[in-house]
Protein backbone atom coordinates (compact mmCIF):
# COMPACT_ATOMS: atom_id res chain seq x y z
CA UNK A 1 -83.81 68.56 -78.06
CA UNK A 2 -81.33 68.38 -75.35
CA UNK A 3 -80.01 72.00 -76.05
CA UNK A 4 -83.50 73.64 -75.72
CA UNK A 5 -83.67 71.75 -72.13
CA UNK A 6 -80.26 73.18 -71.14
CA UNK A 7 -81.05 76.68 -72.35
CA UNK A 8 -82.78 77.25 -69.25
CA UNK A 9 -81.46 77.16 -65.56
CA UNK A 10 -81.98 73.79 -64.05
CA UNK A 11 -81.93 72.10 -60.59
CA UNK A 12 -80.58 69.10 -58.87
CA UNK A 13 -83.62 67.26 -59.26
CA UNK A 14 -83.92 68.20 -62.87
CA UNK A 15 -80.34 67.03 -63.66
CA UNK A 16 -80.61 63.76 -61.80
CA UNK A 17 -83.80 63.18 -63.75
CA UNK A 18 -82.22 64.24 -67.07
CA UNK A 19 -79.10 61.74 -65.75
CA UNK A 20 -81.66 58.91 -65.50
CA UNK A 21 -83.08 59.66 -69.02
CA UNK A 22 -79.60 59.00 -70.69
CA UNK A 23 -79.94 56.22 -73.13
CA UNK A 24 -79.43 55.28 -76.88
CA UNK A 25 -82.83 56.36 -77.42
CA UNK A 26 -83.04 59.97 -75.73
CA UNK A 27 -79.41 61.26 -75.84
CA UNK A 28 -76.17 59.66 -74.84
CA UNK A 29 -73.18 60.82 -72.63
CA UNK A 30 -71.41 61.48 -75.73
CA UNK A 31 -74.11 63.79 -76.33
CA UNK A 32 -73.68 65.53 -73.25
CA UNK A 33 -69.73 65.52 -73.57
CA UNK A 34 -70.10 67.11 -76.87
CA UNK A 35 -72.66 69.72 -75.09
CA UNK A 36 -70.31 70.45 -72.67
CA UNK A 37 -68.53 72.47 -74.99
CA UNK A 38 -71.15 74.64 -76.38
CA UNK A 39 -70.47 78.00 -77.04
CA UNK A 40 -72.92 79.17 -74.64
CA UNK A 41 -71.05 78.64 -71.09
CA UNK A 42 -74.12 77.62 -69.44
CA UNK A 43 -75.54 75.12 -71.38
CA UNK A 44 -72.10 73.53 -71.34
CA UNK A 45 -71.87 73.93 -67.42
CA UNK A 46 -75.58 72.01 -67.27
CA UNK A 47 -74.30 69.36 -69.90
CA UNK A 48 -71.31 68.62 -67.66
CA UNK A 49 -73.20 68.55 -64.36
CA UNK A 50 -75.84 65.76 -65.86
CA UNK A 51 -72.70 63.93 -67.14
CA UNK A 52 -71.52 63.92 -63.79
CA UNK A 53 -74.56 62.89 -62.59
CA UNK A 54 -74.57 59.96 -65.19
CA UNK A 55 -71.11 58.91 -64.36
CA UNK A 56 -72.25 58.64 -60.40
CA UNK A 57 -75.44 56.90 -60.98
CA UNK A 58 -75.74 55.20 -64.19
CA UNK A 59 -71.93 54.38 -64.96
CA UNK A 60 -73.29 51.36 -67.44
CA UNK A 61 -74.61 54.41 -69.87
CA UNK A 62 -71.25 56.37 -69.40
CA UNK A 63 -68.84 53.70 -70.06
CA UNK A 64 -69.19 53.26 -73.96
CA UNK A 65 -68.06 57.05 -74.13
CA UNK A 66 -65.26 57.04 -71.20
CA UNK A 67 -62.42 56.72 -73.38
CA UNK A 68 -64.02 59.65 -75.66
CA UNK A 69 -64.38 61.69 -72.36
CA UNK A 70 -60.44 61.12 -71.83
CA UNK A 71 -59.79 62.05 -75.13
CA UNK A 72 -61.91 65.21 -74.91
CA UNK A 73 -61.14 66.26 -71.16
CA UNK A 74 -57.92 68.20 -72.28
CA UNK A 75 -59.65 70.55 -74.47
CA UNK A 76 -62.48 72.01 -71.83
CA UNK A 77 -61.85 75.40 -71.10
CA UNK A 78 -65.36 76.25 -69.74
CA UNK A 79 -64.25 76.45 -65.86
CA UNK A 80 -67.74 75.74 -64.79
CA UNK A 81 -67.91 72.42 -66.91
CA UNK A 82 -64.39 72.06 -66.07
CA UNK A 83 -65.24 71.52 -62.17
CA UNK A 84 -67.34 68.54 -63.44
CA UNK A 85 -64.85 67.24 -65.56
CA UNK A 86 -62.40 67.10 -63.18
CA UNK A 87 -64.74 65.59 -60.44
CA UNK A 88 -65.51 62.78 -62.85
CA UNK A 89 -61.64 62.25 -63.64
CA UNK A 90 -61.34 62.03 -59.81
CA UNK A 91 -63.42 59.08 -59.72
CA UNK A 92 -62.16 57.49 -62.66
CA UNK A 93 -58.74 57.31 -61.09
CA UNK A 94 -59.47 56.47 -57.91
CA UNK A 95 -58.23 52.95 -56.64
CA UNK A 96 -61.85 52.08 -55.55
CA UNK A 97 -63.49 52.74 -59.18
CA UNK A 98 -64.97 49.93 -60.93
CA UNK A 99 -62.89 47.03 -62.64
CA UNK A 100 -63.99 48.20 -66.42
CA UNK A 101 -63.07 51.63 -65.79
CA UNK A 102 -59.85 50.61 -64.32
CA UNK A 103 -59.24 49.01 -67.62
CA UNK A 104 -60.15 52.04 -69.52
CA UNK A 105 -57.76 54.45 -67.70
CA UNK A 106 -55.06 51.59 -67.62
CA UNK A 107 -55.07 51.34 -71.07
CA UNK A 108 -55.34 54.86 -71.72
CA UNK A 109 -52.62 57.06 -72.60
CA UNK A 110 -52.61 59.42 -69.75
CA UNK A 111 -49.25 61.63 -70.68
CA UNK A 112 -51.74 64.30 -72.15
CA UNK A 113 -54.05 64.39 -68.82
CA UNK A 114 -51.16 64.69 -66.10
CA UNK A 115 -49.57 67.61 -68.17
CA UNK A 116 -53.00 69.09 -68.27
CA UNK A 117 -53.83 68.57 -65.16
CA UNK A 118 -50.61 69.87 -63.77
CA UNK A 119 -51.39 73.22 -65.79
CA UNK A 120 -54.82 73.61 -64.34
CA UNK A 121 -53.37 73.26 -60.83
CA UNK A 122 -51.00 76.00 -61.22
CA UNK A 123 -53.50 78.40 -63.22
CA UNK A 124 -54.04 81.24 -61.07
CA UNK A 125 -57.34 81.73 -63.01
CA UNK A 126 -58.73 78.28 -62.31
CA UNK A 127 -60.99 77.77 -59.17
CA UNK A 128 -59.75 76.35 -55.72
CA UNK A 129 -62.66 73.46 -56.26
CA UNK A 130 -61.03 71.99 -59.68
CA UNK A 131 -57.58 72.55 -58.07
CA UNK A 132 -58.96 70.62 -55.26
CA UNK A 133 -59.62 67.41 -57.66
CA UNK A 134 -56.72 68.03 -59.70
CA UNK A 135 -54.48 67.00 -56.63
CA UNK A 136 -56.78 63.90 -56.14
CA UNK A 137 -56.27 63.03 -60.15
CA UNK A 138 -52.63 63.48 -59.83
CA UNK A 139 -52.36 61.55 -56.64
CA UNK A 140 -54.47 58.74 -58.23
CA UNK A 141 -51.93 58.61 -61.23
CA UNK A 142 -48.73 58.09 -59.30
CA UNK A 143 -49.19 54.58 -59.68
CA UNK A 144 -49.59 54.52 -63.36
CA UNK A 145 -46.51 57.66 -63.60
CA UNK A 146 -44.43 57.24 -60.72
CA UNK A 147 -42.57 60.85 -61.30
CA UNK A 148 -45.63 62.44 -60.65
CA UNK A 149 -44.81 62.33 -56.77
CA UNK A 150 -41.92 64.47 -56.41
CA UNK A 151 -43.45 66.76 -58.78
CA UNK A 152 -46.80 66.91 -56.94
CA UNK A 153 -45.03 67.60 -53.69
CA UNK A 154 -43.09 70.26 -55.38
CA UNK A 155 -46.12 71.86 -56.66
CA UNK A 156 -48.46 71.86 -53.68
CA UNK A 157 -45.63 73.42 -51.55
CA UNK A 158 -45.03 76.13 -54.33
CA UNK A 159 -48.80 76.75 -54.00
CA UNK A 160 -49.56 76.83 -50.11
CA UNK A 161 -49.09 80.37 -50.11
CA UNK A 162 -51.02 81.13 -52.87
CA UNK A 163 -54.32 79.63 -52.72
CA UNK A 164 -57.23 79.36 -50.01
CA UNK A 165 -57.37 77.65 -46.87
CA UNK A 166 -59.80 75.11 -48.37
CA UNK A 167 -56.98 74.22 -50.94
CA UNK A 168 -54.28 74.06 -47.98
CA UNK A 169 -56.90 71.38 -46.33
CA UNK A 170 -56.91 69.56 -49.53
CA UNK A 171 -52.97 69.41 -49.61
CA UNK A 172 -52.77 68.04 -46.22
CA UNK A 173 -54.90 65.07 -46.73
CA UNK A 174 -52.91 64.48 -50.15
CA UNK A 175 -49.82 64.76 -48.20
CA UNK A 176 -51.26 62.00 -45.92
CA UNK A 177 -52.20 59.73 -48.76
CA UNK A 178 -48.59 60.14 -50.19
CA UNK A 179 -47.03 58.98 -47.03
CA UNK A 180 -49.06 56.16 -47.01
CA UNK A 181 -47.98 55.01 -50.49
CA UNK A 182 -44.28 55.83 -49.52
């Protein structure tokens, strides 16, 4: 059973192997999404990490569960799992994503996701790695919600003095991206 495998620490090689085994016969991306909410945060983290690798390397196995992922994303509270969730969402919302994913994100009602991502961005308990992906997600969603741009600019200005140098570097990158879109 997958839960048993995730009770023990896994390394990158095992994560890649488990992602490659994802299928209807073993366990699905949906199973990983569900396990990422496990009461044991380590199991949740490992499930989310494998899910990220499924998205990156076996997208055809993720696609049938993409809408389910988007529905569950706002509920994720495990900060370790959240890092992988927002990384997946940054890929999903990127303009270079696959045509199949573009259709899913275009058709999906993203208002709640935008609200939650902004909330994570300003939450002082959310790690900078998560916030970095949040900046990408929000910048990527400007084409769908044009009001995000001004709000994002204001929020970045507000957070600059409160966050790390790494955050500042990401803000510089996003500012550059927003100027290109102007």
